[in-house]
Amino acid sequence: MPRHHAESSASGIAYTFTFEDFLAARRALAWNGVLGHHTYWIRYVIFAVIMVACWWVPVTHDLKRYALSNSHIVLLTFAAVIALMIFAWALDLLFTRLAFGRLAIAGADVTLTFEADGVHYKMPSYFGVLTWAGIHRVMSMPGYLLLFISKSEAVVLPRRAFPSDGAFGETLRFVRTKTGAEAVS
């Protein structure tokens, strides 16, 4: 009987680590925090609200001199919160792009094979084995499977590296079986 793709000792994937992979991993790591999926946007809201609160007190008095009603001031404040959230998001994206460029794995060809003892990885400058016991959490996201090796580190398995959706799903089941970790969607 033929062995399944994910159970084959020769099974594995190869891909180039892109900025999109980095963003997916970064988003998943943020979701791995205390507030879950909301963590990614809460930081922008907090930043915008603090900035507007600092702006509100001195500027509100000046705006009333221009005969602006309270509803106009509220609309201006809401617009300021939205604008600051977008600014914070754009600044975060810029710094993320700069950080990606400094990574050793940025744009590198990555090869992962799934063996009995763990996930074997190979990159131009690194190689090694992540044992199954070292994988603490498995997260499935649209287009990605992430294997968490700590709260702040994850191995990225992009869907595009697998030959089919079936192989992607079987690899998820295989990893869950080997690690005992629950898949978090």
C-alpha atoms as a PDB file:
ATOM      1  CA  MET A   1       0.000   0.000   0.000  1.00  0.00           C
ATOM      2  CA  PRO A   2       1.528   3.369  -0.950  1.00  0.00           C
ATOM      3  CA  ARG A   3       2.379   5.684   1.891  1.00  0.00           C
ATOM      4  CA  HIS A   4       0.633   9.004   2.051  1.00  0.00           C
ATOM      5  CA  HIS A   5       2.496  12.153   0.914  1.00  0.00           C
ATOM      6  CA  ALA A   6       2.864  13.550   4.449  1.00  0.00           C
ATOM      7  CA  GLU A   7       3.981  10.193   5.827  1.00  0.00           C
ATOM      8  CA  SER A   8       6.622   9.605   3.197  1.00  0.00           C
ATOM      9  CA  SER A   9      10.177  10.107   4.426  1.00  0.00           C
ATOM     10  CA  ALA A  10      10.870  11.814   1.117  1.00  0.00           C
ATOM     11  CA  SER A  11       7.932  14.209   1.490  1.00  0.00           C
ATOM     12  CA  GLY A  12       8.611  17.844   1.856  1.00  0.00           C
ATOM     13  CA  ILE A  13       8.165  21.276   0.415  1.00  0.00           C
ATOM     14  CA  ALA A  14      10.400  23.906  -1.080  1.00  0.00           C
ATOM     15  CA  TYR A  15       9.655  27.608  -1.456  1.00  0.00           C
ATOM     16  CA  THR A  16      11.170  31.069  -1.376  1.00  0.00           C
ATOM     17  CA  PHE A  17      10.511  32.998   1.826  1.00  0.00           C
ATOM     18  CA  THR A  18       8.729  36.179   0.712  1.00  0.00           C
ATOM     19  CA  PHE A  19       7.572  39.358   2.415  1.00  0.00           C
ATOM     20  CA  GLU A  20       4.001  37.977   2.364  1.00  0.00           C
ATOM     21  CA  ASP A  21       5.203  34.917   4.316  1.00  0.00           C
ATOM     22  CA  PHE A  22       6.859  37.231   6.827  1.00  0.00           C
ATOM     23  CA  LEU A  23       3.642  39.252   7.203  1.00  0.00           C
ATOM     24  CA  ALA A  24       1.593  36.090   7.729  1.00  0.00           C
ATOM     25  CA  ALA A  25       3.988  34.870  10.399  1.00  0.00           C
ATOM     26  CA  ARG A  26       4.043  38.283  12.056  1.00  0.00           C
ATOM     27  CA  ARG A  27       0.240  38.450  12.096  1.00  0.00           C
ATOM     28  CA  ALA A  28      -0.006  34.931  13.520  1.00  0.00           C
ATOM     29  CA  LEU A  29       2.532  35.756  16.216  1.00  0.00           C
ATOM     30  CA  ALA A  30       0.478  38.815  17.187  1.00  0.00           C
ATOM     31  CA  TRP A  31      -2.654  36.656  17.281  1.00  0.00           C
ATOM     32  CA  ASN A  32      -0.808  34.269  19.557  1.00  0.00           C
ATOM     33  CA  GLY A  33      -0.884  36.964  22.266  1.00  0.00           C
ATOM     34  CA  VAL A  34      -3.297  37.699  25.075  1.00  0.00           C
ATOM     35  CA  LEU A  35      -6.003  39.375  22.984  1.00  0.00           C
ATOM     36  CA  GLY A  36      -5.936  36.880  20.125  1.00  0.00           C
ATOM     37  CA  HIS A  37      -6.947  38.009  16.619  1.00  0.00           C
ATOM     38  CA  HIS A  38      -7.789  41.515  17.850  1.00  0.00           C
ATOM     39  CA  THR A  39      -4.205  42.243  18.923  1.00  0.00           C
ATOM     40  CA  TYR A  40      -3.190  43.273  15.432  1.00  0.00           C
ATOM     41  CA  TRP A  41      -5.607  46.238  15.269  1.00  0.00           C
ATOM     42  CA  ILE A  42      -5.930  47.143  18.940  1.00  0.00           C
ATOM     43  CA  ARG A  43      -2.449  48.673  18.977  1.00  0.00           C
ATOM     44  CA  TYR A  44      -3.435  51.107  16.210  1.00  0.00           C
ATOM     45  CA  VAL A  45      -6.664  52.046  17.992  1.00  0.00           C
ATOM     46  CA  ILE A  46      -4.839  52.637  21.275  1.00  0.00           C
ATOM     47  CA  PHE A  47      -2.223  54.809  19.547  1.00  0.00           C
ATOM     48  CA  ALA A  48      -4.874  56.859  17.737  1.00  0.00           C
ATOM     49  CA  VAL A  49      -7.049  57.353  20.830  1.00  0.00           C
ATOM     50  CA  ILE A  50      -4.087  58.491  22.938  1.00  0.00           C
ATOM     51  CA  MET A  51      -2.960  60.930  20.265  1.00  0.00           C
ATOM     52  CA  VAL A  52      -6.468  62.345  19.829  1.00  0.00           C
ATOM     53  CA  ALA A  53      -6.948  62.579  23.606  1.00  0.00           C
ATOM     54  CA  CYS A  54      -3.753  64.634  23.815  1.00  0.00           C
ATOM     55  CA  TRP A  55      -5.057  66.764  20.953  1.00  0.00           C
ATOM     56  CA  TRP A  56      -8.623  67.077  22.248  1.00  0.00           C
ATOM     57  CA  VAL A  57      -8.067  69.278  25.297  1.00  0.00           C
ATOM     58  CA  PRO A  58      -6.030  72.141  23.802  1.00  0.00           C
ATOM     59  CA  VAL A  59      -7.613  72.130  20.355  1.00  0.00           C
ATOM     60  CA  THR A  60     -11.291  71.845  21.300  1.00  0.00           C
ATOM     61  CA  HIS A  61     -11.249  75.252  22.893  1.00  0.00           C
ATOM     62  CA  ASP A  62      -9.710  76.778  19.748  1.00  0.00           C
ATOM     63  CA  LEU A  63     -12.186  75.038  17.433  1.00  0.00           C
ATOM     64  CA  LYS A  64     -15.149  76.530  19.288  1.00  0.00           C
ATOM     65  CA  ARG A  65     -13.831  79.990  18.351  1.00  0.00           C
ATOM     66  CA  TYR A  66     -14.498  79.075  14.720  1.00  0.00           C
ATOM     67  CA  ALA A  67     -18.158  78.480  15.563  1.00  0.00           C
ATOM     68  CA  LEU A  68     -17.904  74.710  15.169  1.00  0.00           C
ATOM     69  CA  SER A  69     -20.649  72.799  16.902  1.00  0.00           C
ATOM     70  CA  ASN A  70     -20.004  69.842  19.160  1.00  0.00           C
ATOM     71  CA  SER A  71     -21.114  67.462  16.399  1.00  0.00           C
ATOM     72  CA  HIS A  72     -18.555  68.970  14.009  1.00  0.00           C
ATOM     73  CA  ILE A  73     -15.849  68.593  16.633  1.00  0.00           C
ATOM     74  CA  VAL A  74     -16.872  64.960  17.214  1.00  0.00           C
ATOM     75  CA  LEU A  75     -16.704  64.315  13.445  1.00  0.00           C
ATOM     76  CA  LEU A  76     -13.273  65.953  13.271  1.00  0.00           C
ATOM     77  CA  THR A  77     -12.129  63.847  16.206  1.00  0.00           C
ATOM     78  CA  PHE A  78     -13.423  60.659  14.586  1.00  0.00           C
ATOM     79  CA  ALA A  79     -11.678  61.589  11.333  1.00  0.00           C
ATOM     80  CA  ALA A  80      -8.463  62.247  13.280  1.00  0.00           C
ATOM     81  CA  VAL A  81      -8.655  58.803  14.945  1.00  0.00           C
ATOM     82  CA  ILE A  82      -9.146  57.112  11.546  1.00  0.00           C
ATOM     83  CA  ALA A  83      -6.332  59.134   9.954  1.00  0.00           C
ATOM     84  CA  LEU A  84      -3.949  58.322  12.811  1.00  0.00           C
ATOM     85  CA  MET A  85      -4.852  54.618  12.637  1.00  0.00           C
ATOM     86  CA  ILE A  86      -4.057  54.581   8.912  1.00  0.00           C
ATOM     87  CA  PHE A  87      -0.829  56.495   9.537  1.00  0.00           C
ATOM     88  CA  ALA A  88       0.211  54.024  12.274  1.00  0.00           C
ATOM     89  CA  TRP A  89      -0.613  51.075  10.010  1.00  0.00           C
ATOM     90  CA  ALA A  90       1.415  52.557   7.117  1.00  0.00           C
ATOM     91  CA  LEU A  91       4.356  53.317   9.425  1.00  0.00           C
ATOM     92  CA  ASP A  92       4.189  49.789  10.837  1.00  0.00           C
ATOM     93  CA  LEU A  93       4.168  48.352   7.310  1.00  0.00           C
ATOM     94  CA  LEU A  94       7.203  50.461   6.384  1.00  0.00           C
ATOM     95  CA  PHE A  95       9.177  49.305   9.441  1.00  0.00           C
ATOM     96  CA  THR A  96       8.104  45.718   8.782  1.00  0.00           C
ATOM     97  CA  ARG A  97       9.383  45.961   5.201  1.00  0.00           C
ATOM     98  CA  LEU A  98      12.697  47.355   6.477  1.00  0.00           C
ATOM     99  CA  ALA A  99      12.958  44.598   9.109  1.00  0.00           C
ATOM    100  CA  PHE A 100      12.263  41.902   6.503  1.00  0.00           C
ATOM    101  CA  GLY A 101      15.129  43.107   4.364  1.00  0.00           C
ATOM    102  CA  ARG A 102      17.527  42.591   7.275  1.00  0.00           C
ATOM    103  CA  LEU A 103      16.564  38.949   7.875  1.00  0.00           C
ATOM    104  CA  ALA A 104      18.923  36.169   6.806  1.00  0.00           C
ATOM    105  CA  ILE A 105      15.922  34.219   5.518  1.00  0.00           C
ATOM    106  CA  ALA A 106      14.528  37.103   3.405  1.00  0.00           C
ATOM    107  CA  GLY A 107      14.191  35.871  -0.158  1.00  0.00           C
ATOM    108  CA  ALA A 108      15.968  32.610   0.694  1.00  0.00           C
ATOM    109  CA  ASP A 109      15.042  29.236  -0.732  1.00  0.00           C
ATOM    110  CA  VAL A 110      13.697  27.051   2.072  1.00  0.00           C
ATOM    111  CA  THR A 111      13.353  23.282   1.965  1.00  0.00           C
ATOM    112  CA  LEU A 112      11.384  21.428   4.638  1.00  0.00           C
ATOM    113  CA  THR A 113      11.044  17.659   4.880  1.00  0.00           C
ATOM    114  CA  PHE A 114       8.792  15.849   7.316  1.00  0.00           C
ATOM    115  CA  GLU A 115      10.621  12.918   8.902  1.00  0.00           C
ATOM    116  CA  ALA A 116       9.937  10.597  11.820  1.00  0.00           C
ATOM    117  CA  ASP A 117      12.175  12.648  14.130  1.00  0.00           C
ATOM    118  CA  GLY A 118      10.869  16.085  13.154  1.00  0.00           C
ATOM    119  CA  VAL A 119      10.893  18.766  10.496  1.00  0.00           C
ATOM    120  CA  HIS A 120      14.223  18.995   8.691  1.00  0.00           C
ATOM    121  CA  TYR A 121      14.929  22.467   7.347  1.00  0.00           C
ATOM    122  CA  LYS A 122      17.533  23.641   4.892  1.00  0.00           C
ATOM    123  CA  MET A 123      18.352  27.160   3.759  1.00  0.00           C
ATOM    124  CA  PRO A 124      21.453  28.503   2.019  1.00  0.00           C
ATOM    125  CA  SER A 125      23.127  29.378   5.319  1.00  0.00           C
ATOM    126  CA  TYR A 126      21.311  27.168   7.862  1.00  0.00           C
ATOM    127  CA  PHE A 127      20.129  23.608   8.239  1.00  0.00           C
ATOM    128  CA  GLY A 128      18.834  21.511  11.090  1.00  0.00           C
ATOM    129  CA  VAL A 129      15.996  19.584  12.646  1.00  0.00           C
ATOM    130  CA  LEU A 130      13.020  20.813  14.638  1.00  0.00           C
ATOM    131  CA  THR A 131      11.912  17.860  16.725  1.00  0.00           C
ATOM    132  CA  TRP A 132       8.218  17.163  16.991  1.00  0.00           C
ATOM    133  CA  ALA A 133       8.420  17.763  20.755  1.00  0.00           C
ATOM    134  CA  GLY A 134       9.740  21.283  20.041  1.00  0.00           C
ATOM    135  CA  ILE A 135       6.584  22.295  18.187  1.00  0.00           C
ATOM    136  CA  HIS A 136       4.185  23.691  20.781  1.00  0.00           C
ATOM    137  CA  ARG A 137       1.315  24.951  18.678  1.00  0.00           C
ATOM    138  CA  VAL A 138       0.018  24.544  15.147  1.00  0.00           C
ATOM    139  CA  MET A 139      -1.950  27.348  13.488  1.00  0.00           C
ATOM    140  CA  SER A 140      -3.775  27.084  10.213  1.00  0.00           C
ATOM    141  CA  MET A 141      -4.488  30.369   8.454  1.00  0.00           C
ATOM    142  CA  PRO A 142      -5.807  30.989   4.948  1.00  0.00           C
ATOM    143  CA  GLY A 143      -2.876  30.086   2.736  1.00  0.00           C
ATOM    144  CA  TYR A 144      -0.518  29.104   5.573  1.00  0.00           C
ATOM    145  CA  LEU A 145       0.304  26.511   8.174  1.00  0.00           C
ATOM    146  CA  LEU A 146       2.461  27.786  11.041  1.00  0.00           C
ATOM    147  CA  LEU A 147       4.378  25.623  13.471  1.00  0.00           C
ATOM    148  CA  PHE A 148       5.107  27.552  16.665  1.00  0.00           C
ATOM    149  CA  ILE A 149       8.394  26.695  18.328  1.00  0.00           C
ATOM    150  CA  SER A 150       7.975  29.456  20.945  1.00  0.00           C
ATOM    151  CA  LYS A 151       5.590  32.316  21.683  1.00  0.00           C
ATOM    152  CA  SER A 152       7.529  34.556  19.313  1.00  0.00           C
ATOM    153  CA  GLU A 153       8.825  32.145  16.643  1.00  0.00           C
ATOM    154  CA  ALA A 154       7.060  30.057  14.037  1.00  0.00           C
ATOM    155  CA  VAL A 155       7.999  27.989  11.017  1.00  0.00           C
ATOM    156  CA  VAL A 156       5.990  29.093   7.977  1.00  0.00           C
ATOM    157  CA  LEU A 157       4.563  26.513   5.575  1.00  0.00           C
ATOM    158  CA  PRO A 158       2.848  28.392   2.739  1.00  0.00           C
ATOM    159  CA  ARG A 159       0.023  26.666   0.880  1.00  0.00           C
ATOM    160  CA  ARG A 160       1.662  27.505  -2.458  1.00  0.00           C
ATOM    161  CA  ALA A 161       4.548  25.141  -1.628  1.00  0.00           C
ATOM    162  CA  PHE A 162       2.257  22.088  -1.533  1.00  0.00           C
ATOM    163  CA  PRO A 163       1.239  20.231  -4.700  1.00  0.00           C
ATOM    164  CA  SER A 164      -2.471  20.277  -3.768  1.00  0.00           C
ATOM    165  CA  ASP A 165      -5.022  21.228  -1.118  1.00  0.00           C
ATOM    166  CA  GLY A 166      -5.172  17.562  -0.156  1.00  0.00           C
ATOM    167  CA  ALA A 167      -1.423  17.446   0.512  1.00  0.00           C
ATOM    168  CA  PHE A 168      -1.728  20.635   2.570  1.00  0.00           C
ATOM    169  CA  GLY A 169      -4.558  19.133   4.666  1.00  0.00           C
ATOM    170  CA  GLU A 170      -2.769  15.815   5.085  1.00  0.00           C
ATOM    171  CA  THR A 171       0.379  17.587   6.231  1.00  0.00           C
ATOM    172  CA  LEU A 172      -1.684  19.459   8.825  1.00  0.00           C
ATOM    173  CA  ARG A 173      -3.131  16.161  10.098  1.00  0.00           C
ATOM    174  CA  PHE A 174       0.312  14.533  10.072  1.00  0.00           C
ATOM    175  CA  VAL A 175       1.870  17.409  12.035  1.00  0.00           C
ATOM    176  CA  ARG A 176      -0.981  17.376  14.553  1.00  0.00           C
ATOM    177  CA  THR A 177      -0.557  13.629  14.998  1.00  0.00           C
ATOM    178  CA  LYS A 178       3.192  13.918  15.532  1.00  0.00           C
ATOM    179  CA  THR A 179       3.039  16.956  17.844  1.00  0.00           C
ATOM    180  CA  GLY A 180      -0.189  16.327  19.692  1.00  0.00           C
ATOM    181  CA  ALA A 181      -0.874  20.036  19.168  1.00  0.00           C
ATOM    182  CA  GLU A 182      -4.342  21.246  18.343  1.00  0.00           C
ATOM    183  CA  ALA A 183      -4.727  23.158  15.127  1.00  0.00           C
ATOM    184  CA  VAL A 184      -5.928  26.672  15.740  1.00  0.00           C
ATOM    185  CA  SER A 185      -7.690  28.308  12.811  1.00  0.00           C
END
